[in-house]
Amino acid sequence: MTLIHICNTICYNMRAIINISLPQQMVQVINENVKSGKFASKSEFFRHLVREWQDNMLLWELKQSRKEFKNGKVKVLKTLKNLR
């Protein structure tokens, strides 16, 4: 195993712990989903939510860009020099 591989493995496995406060009803929903096997753990439940949120934000940004393009609020670049 190379030093780069070890570093990548360590960096990938580094996790941050966060604490949140939730109403009991939400906790029950999370526990039921984990218990039913839909998620392997509570952490996986929240990772799934964050991924969904990221996907939705990307979709929203794409829709905003399309609106701007449709409304003519874009600059068409003919060369890379036009980026400046």
N, C-alpha and C. Protein backbone atom coordinates (compact mmCIF):
# COMPACT_ATOMS: atom_id res chain seq x y z
N MET A 1 0.85 -1.17 0.00
CA MET A 1 0.00 0.00 0.00
C MET A 1 0.90 1.24 0.00
N THR A 2 0.67 2.13 -0.95
CA THR A 2 1.51 3.33 -1.05
C THR A 2 1.05 4.40 -0.06
N LEU A 3 1.92 5.36 0.17
CA LEU A 3 1.60 6.46 1.07
C LEU A 3 0.41 7.26 0.55
N ILE A 4 0.34 7.45 -0.76
CA ILE A 4 -0.79 8.19 -1.36
C ILE A 4 -2.09 7.44 -1.10
N HIS A 5 -2.07 6.13 -1.27
CA HIS A 5 -3.28 5.32 -1.03
C HIS A 5 -3.72 5.42 0.43
N ILE A 6 -2.75 5.36 1.34
CA ILE A 6 -3.07 5.46 2.77
C ILE A 6 -3.68 6.82 3.07
N CYS A 7 -3.07 7.89 2.52
CA CYS A 7 -3.58 9.25 2.75
C CYS A 7 -4.99 9.39 2.19
N ASN A 8 -5.22 8.89 0.98
CA ASN A 8 -6.56 8.97 0.39
C ASN A 8 -7.58 8.21 1.21
N THR A 9 -7.19 7.06 1.73
CA THR A 9 -8.09 6.27 2.56
C THR A 9 -8.43 7.01 3.85
N ILE A 10 -7.42 7.59 4.48
CA ILE A 10 -7.65 8.32 5.73
C ILE A 10 -8.52 9.54 5.47
N CYS A 11 -8.20 10.30 4.42
CA CYS A 11 -8.97 11.51 4.10
C CYS A 11 -10.41 11.17 3.77
N TYR A 12 -10.63 10.08 3.04
CA TYR A 12 -11.98 9.69 2.67
C TYR A 12 -12.77 9.27 3.91
N ASN A 13 -12.12 8.62 4.84
CA ASN A 13 -12.82 8.11 6.01
C ASN A 13 -12.97 9.12 7.13
N MET A 14 -12.38 10.31 6.99
CA MET A 14 -12.53 11.32 8.03
C MET A 14 -13.98 11.78 8.06
N ARG A 15 -14.53 11.82 9.22
CA ARG A 15 -15.93 12.22 9.39
C ARG A 15 -16.00 13.32 10.43
N ALA A 16 -16.97 14.18 10.27
CA ALA A 16 -17.26 15.20 11.28
C ALA A 16 -18.55 14.78 11.96
N ILE A 17 -18.60 14.99 13.22
CA ILE A 17 -19.79 14.64 14.00
C ILE A 17 -20.56 15.92 14.26
N ILE A 18 -21.86 15.87 13.98
CA ILE A 18 -22.72 17.01 14.28
C ILE A 18 -23.85 16.53 15.19
N ASN A 19 -24.30 17.40 16.04
CA ASN A 19 -25.43 17.09 16.91
C ASN A 19 -26.59 17.98 16.52
N ILE A 20 -27.77 17.39 16.43
CA ILE A 20 -28.95 18.18 16.11
C ILE A 20 -30.06 17.86 17.10
N SER A 21 -30.95 18.79 17.25
CA SER A 21 -32.11 18.61 18.11
C SER A 21 -33.34 18.50 17.21
N LEU A 22 -34.12 17.44 17.41
CA LEU A 22 -35.31 17.20 16.59
C LEU A 22 -36.51 16.93 17.47
N PRO A 23 -37.69 17.26 16.96
CA PRO A 23 -38.90 16.87 17.68
C PRO A 23 -39.02 15.34 17.70
N GLN A 24 -39.64 14.82 18.72
CA GLN A 24 -39.75 13.38 18.89
C GLN A 24 -40.40 12.70 17.69
N GLN A 25 -41.37 13.35 17.07
CA GLN A 25 -42.03 12.75 15.90
C GLN A 25 -41.04 12.51 14.76
N MET A 26 -40.12 13.45 14.57
CA MET A 26 -39.11 13.27 13.53
C MET A 26 -38.15 12.14 13.88
N VAL A 27 -37.79 12.05 15.13
CA VAL A 27 -36.91 10.98 15.59
C VAL A 27 -37.57 9.63 15.33
N GLN A 28 -38.87 9.53 15.58
CA GLN A 28 -39.59 8.29 15.33
C GLN A 28 -39.58 7.92 13.85
N VAL A 29 -39.74 8.92 12.98
CA VAL A 29 -39.71 8.66 11.54
C VAL A 29 -38.34 8.11 11.14
N ILE A 30 -37.29 8.72 11.66
CA ILE A 30 -35.93 8.27 11.34
C ILE A 30 -35.72 6.85 11.85
N ASN A 31 -36.07 6.61 13.10
CA ASN A 31 -35.91 5.27 13.68
C ASN A 31 -36.68 4.22 12.91
N GLU A 32 -37.89 4.53 12.50
CA GLU A 32 -38.71 3.57 11.74
C GLU A 32 -38.06 3.24 10.40
N ASN A 33 -37.51 4.27 9.73
CA ASN A 33 -36.85 4.03 8.45
C ASN A 33 -35.59 3.20 8.59
N VAL A 34 -34.85 3.42 9.66
CA VAL A 34 -33.65 2.62 9.90
C VAL A 34 -34.05 1.19 10.27
N LYS A 35 -35.02 1.06 11.15
CA LYS A 35 -35.46 -0.27 11.61
C LYS A 35 -36.02 -1.10 10.45
N SER A 36 -36.72 -0.45 9.52
CA SER A 36 -37.30 -1.17 8.39
C SER A 36 -36.25 -1.61 7.37
N GLY A 37 -35.04 -1.08 7.51
CA GLY A 37 -33.97 -1.47 6.60
C GLY A 37 -33.81 -0.54 5.41
N LYS A 38 -34.62 0.49 5.35
CA LYS A 38 -34.49 1.44 4.24
C LYS A 38 -33.15 2.17 4.30
N PHE A 39 -32.64 2.40 5.50
CA PHE A 39 -31.33 3.02 5.72
C PHE A 39 -30.56 2.16 6.69
N ALA A 40 -29.25 2.08 6.49
CA ALA A 40 -28.41 1.26 7.34
C ALA A 40 -28.22 1.86 8.73
N SER A 41 -28.32 3.18 8.82
CA SER A 41 -28.10 3.86 10.09
C SER A 41 -28.75 5.24 10.05
N LYS A 42 -28.79 5.89 11.20
CA LYS A 42 -29.30 7.26 11.25
C LYS A 42 -28.41 8.18 10.44
N SER A 43 -27.11 7.94 10.50
CA SER A 43 -26.18 8.75 9.72
C SER A 43 -26.46 8.63 8.23
N GLU A 44 -26.72 7.40 7.78
CA GLU A 44 -27.02 7.21 6.35
C GLU A 44 -28.31 7.91 5.97
N PHE A 45 -29.27 7.94 6.87
CA PHE A 45 -30.52 8.67 6.63
C PHE A 45 -30.21 10.14 6.33
N PHE A 46 -29.38 10.75 7.17
CA PHE A 46 -29.06 12.16 6.99
C PHE A 46 -28.15 12.40 5.79
N ARG A 47 -27.23 11.47 5.51
CA ARG A 47 -26.41 11.62 4.30
C ARG A 47 -27.30 11.60 3.06
N HIS A 48 -28.31 10.74 3.08
CA HIS A 48 -29.26 10.67 1.97
C HIS A 48 -29.99 12.01 1.81
N LEU A 49 -30.44 12.59 2.91
CA LEU A 49 -31.12 13.88 2.85
C LEU A 49 -30.23 14.97 2.28
N VAL A 50 -28.97 15.00 2.70
CA VAL A 50 -28.05 16.01 2.20
C VAL A 50 -27.80 15.83 0.71
N ARG A 51 -27.63 14.58 0.28
CA ARG A 51 -27.44 14.32 -1.16
C ARG A 51 -28.65 14.78 -1.96
N GLU A 52 -29.84 14.48 -1.46
CA GLU A 52 -31.07 14.91 -2.13
C GLU A 52 -31.13 16.44 -2.21
N TRP A 53 -30.78 17.10 -1.13
CA TRP A 53 -30.79 18.56 -1.10
C TRP A 53 -29.80 19.11 -2.12
N GLN A 54 -28.59 18.52 -2.18
CA GLN A 54 -27.60 18.97 -3.14
C GLN A 54 -28.10 18.79 -4.58
N ASP A 55 -28.72 17.65 -4.85
CA ASP A 55 -29.28 17.41 -6.19
C ASP A 55 -30.35 18.44 -6.53
N ASN A 56 -31.22 18.73 -5.56
CA ASN A 56 -32.28 19.70 -5.79
C ASN A 56 -31.72 21.10 -6.02
N MET A 57 -30.66 21.47 -5.29
CA MET A 57 -30.04 22.77 -5.48
C MET A 57 -29.42 22.87 -6.88
N LEU A 58 -28.77 21.82 -7.33
CA LEU A 58 -28.18 21.80 -8.66
C LEU A 58 -29.27 21.95 -9.72
N LEU A 59 -30.38 21.24 -9.54
CA LEU A 59 -31.50 21.34 -10.47
C LEU A 59 -32.07 22.76 -10.48
N TRP A 60 -32.22 23.37 -9.30
CA TRP A 60 -32.74 24.73 -9.21
C TRP A 60 -31.81 25.71 -9.93
N GLU A 61 -30.49 25.56 -9.72
CA GLU A 61 -29.53 26.43 -10.38
C GLU A 61 -29.58 26.28 -11.90
N LEU A 62 -29.76 25.05 -12.36
CA LEU A 62 -29.88 24.80 -13.80
C LEU A 62 -31.13 25.48 -14.36
N LYS A 63 -32.23 25.37 -13.64
CA LYS A 63 -33.47 26.02 -14.08
C LYS A 63 -33.31 27.54 -14.12
N GLN A 64 -32.62 28.09 -13.12
CA GLN A 64 -32.38 29.54 -13.09
C GLN A 64 -31.53 29.95 -14.29
N SER A 65 -30.51 29.18 -14.60
CA SER A 65 -29.65 29.47 -15.74
C SER A 65 -30.43 29.43 -17.05
N ARG A 66 -31.30 28.44 -17.16
CA ARG A 66 -32.13 28.35 -18.38
C ARG A 66 -33.06 29.54 -18.50
N LYS A 67 -33.63 30.01 -17.38
CA LYS A 67 -34.48 31.21 -17.41
C LYS A 67 -33.69 32.42 -17.86
N GLU A 68 -32.48 32.57 -17.32
CA GLU A 68 -31.63 33.70 -17.69
C GLU A 68 -31.29 33.63 -19.18
N PHE A 69 -30.99 32.44 -19.66
CA PHE A 69 -30.69 32.27 -21.08
C PHE A 69 -31.88 32.64 -21.94
N LYS A 70 -33.06 32.15 -21.53
CA LYS A 70 -34.29 32.42 -22.28
C LYS A 70 -34.61 33.91 -22.31
N ASN A 71 -34.31 34.60 -21.22
CA ASN A 71 -34.60 36.04 -21.13
C ASN A 71 -33.47 36.91 -21.68
N GLY A 72 -32.48 36.28 -22.29
CA GLY A 72 -31.40 37.03 -22.90
C GLY A 72 -30.40 37.62 -21.93
N LYS A 73 -30.35 37.11 -20.72
CA LYS A 73 -29.44 37.64 -19.71
C LYS A 73 -28.13 36.86 -19.67
N VAL A 74 -27.65 36.50 -20.84
CA VAL A 74 -26.40 35.76 -20.93
C VAL A 74 -25.50 36.42 -21.96
N LYS A 75 -24.24 36.11 -21.87
CA LYS A 75 -23.27 36.60 -22.83
C LYS A 75 -22.74 35.40 -23.60
N VAL A 76 -22.89 35.43 -24.90
CA VAL A 76 -22.41 34.35 -25.74
C VAL A 76 -20.92 34.55 -25.97
N LEU A 77 -20.14 33.55 -25.65
CA LEU A 77 -18.69 33.62 -25.81
C LEU A 77 -18.30 33.02 -27.15
N LYS A 78 -17.56 33.79 -27.91
CA LYS A 78 -17.09 33.28 -29.20
C LYS A 78 -15.68 32.71 -29.07
N THR A 79 -14.92 33.22 -28.12
CA THR A 79 -13.59 32.69 -27.85
C THR A 79 -13.36 32.70 -26.33
N LEU A 80 -12.31 32.04 -25.90
CA LEU A 80 -11.99 32.04 -24.48
C LEU A 80 -11.56 33.42 -24.00
N LYS A 81 -11.10 34.29 -24.89
CA LYS A 81 -10.73 35.65 -24.51
C LYS A 81 -11.93 36.43 -23.99
N ASN A 82 -13.13 36.05 -24.43
CA ASN A 82 -14.35 36.73 -23.98
C ASN A 82 -14.70 36.45 -22.52
N LEU A 83 -13.99 35.54 -21.87
CA LEU A 83 -14.24 35.24 -20.47
C LEU A 83 -13.83 36.40 -19.57
N ARG A 84 -12.94 37.23 -20.02
CA ARG A 84 -12.44 38.34 -19.19
C ARG A 84 -13.44 39.44 -19.05
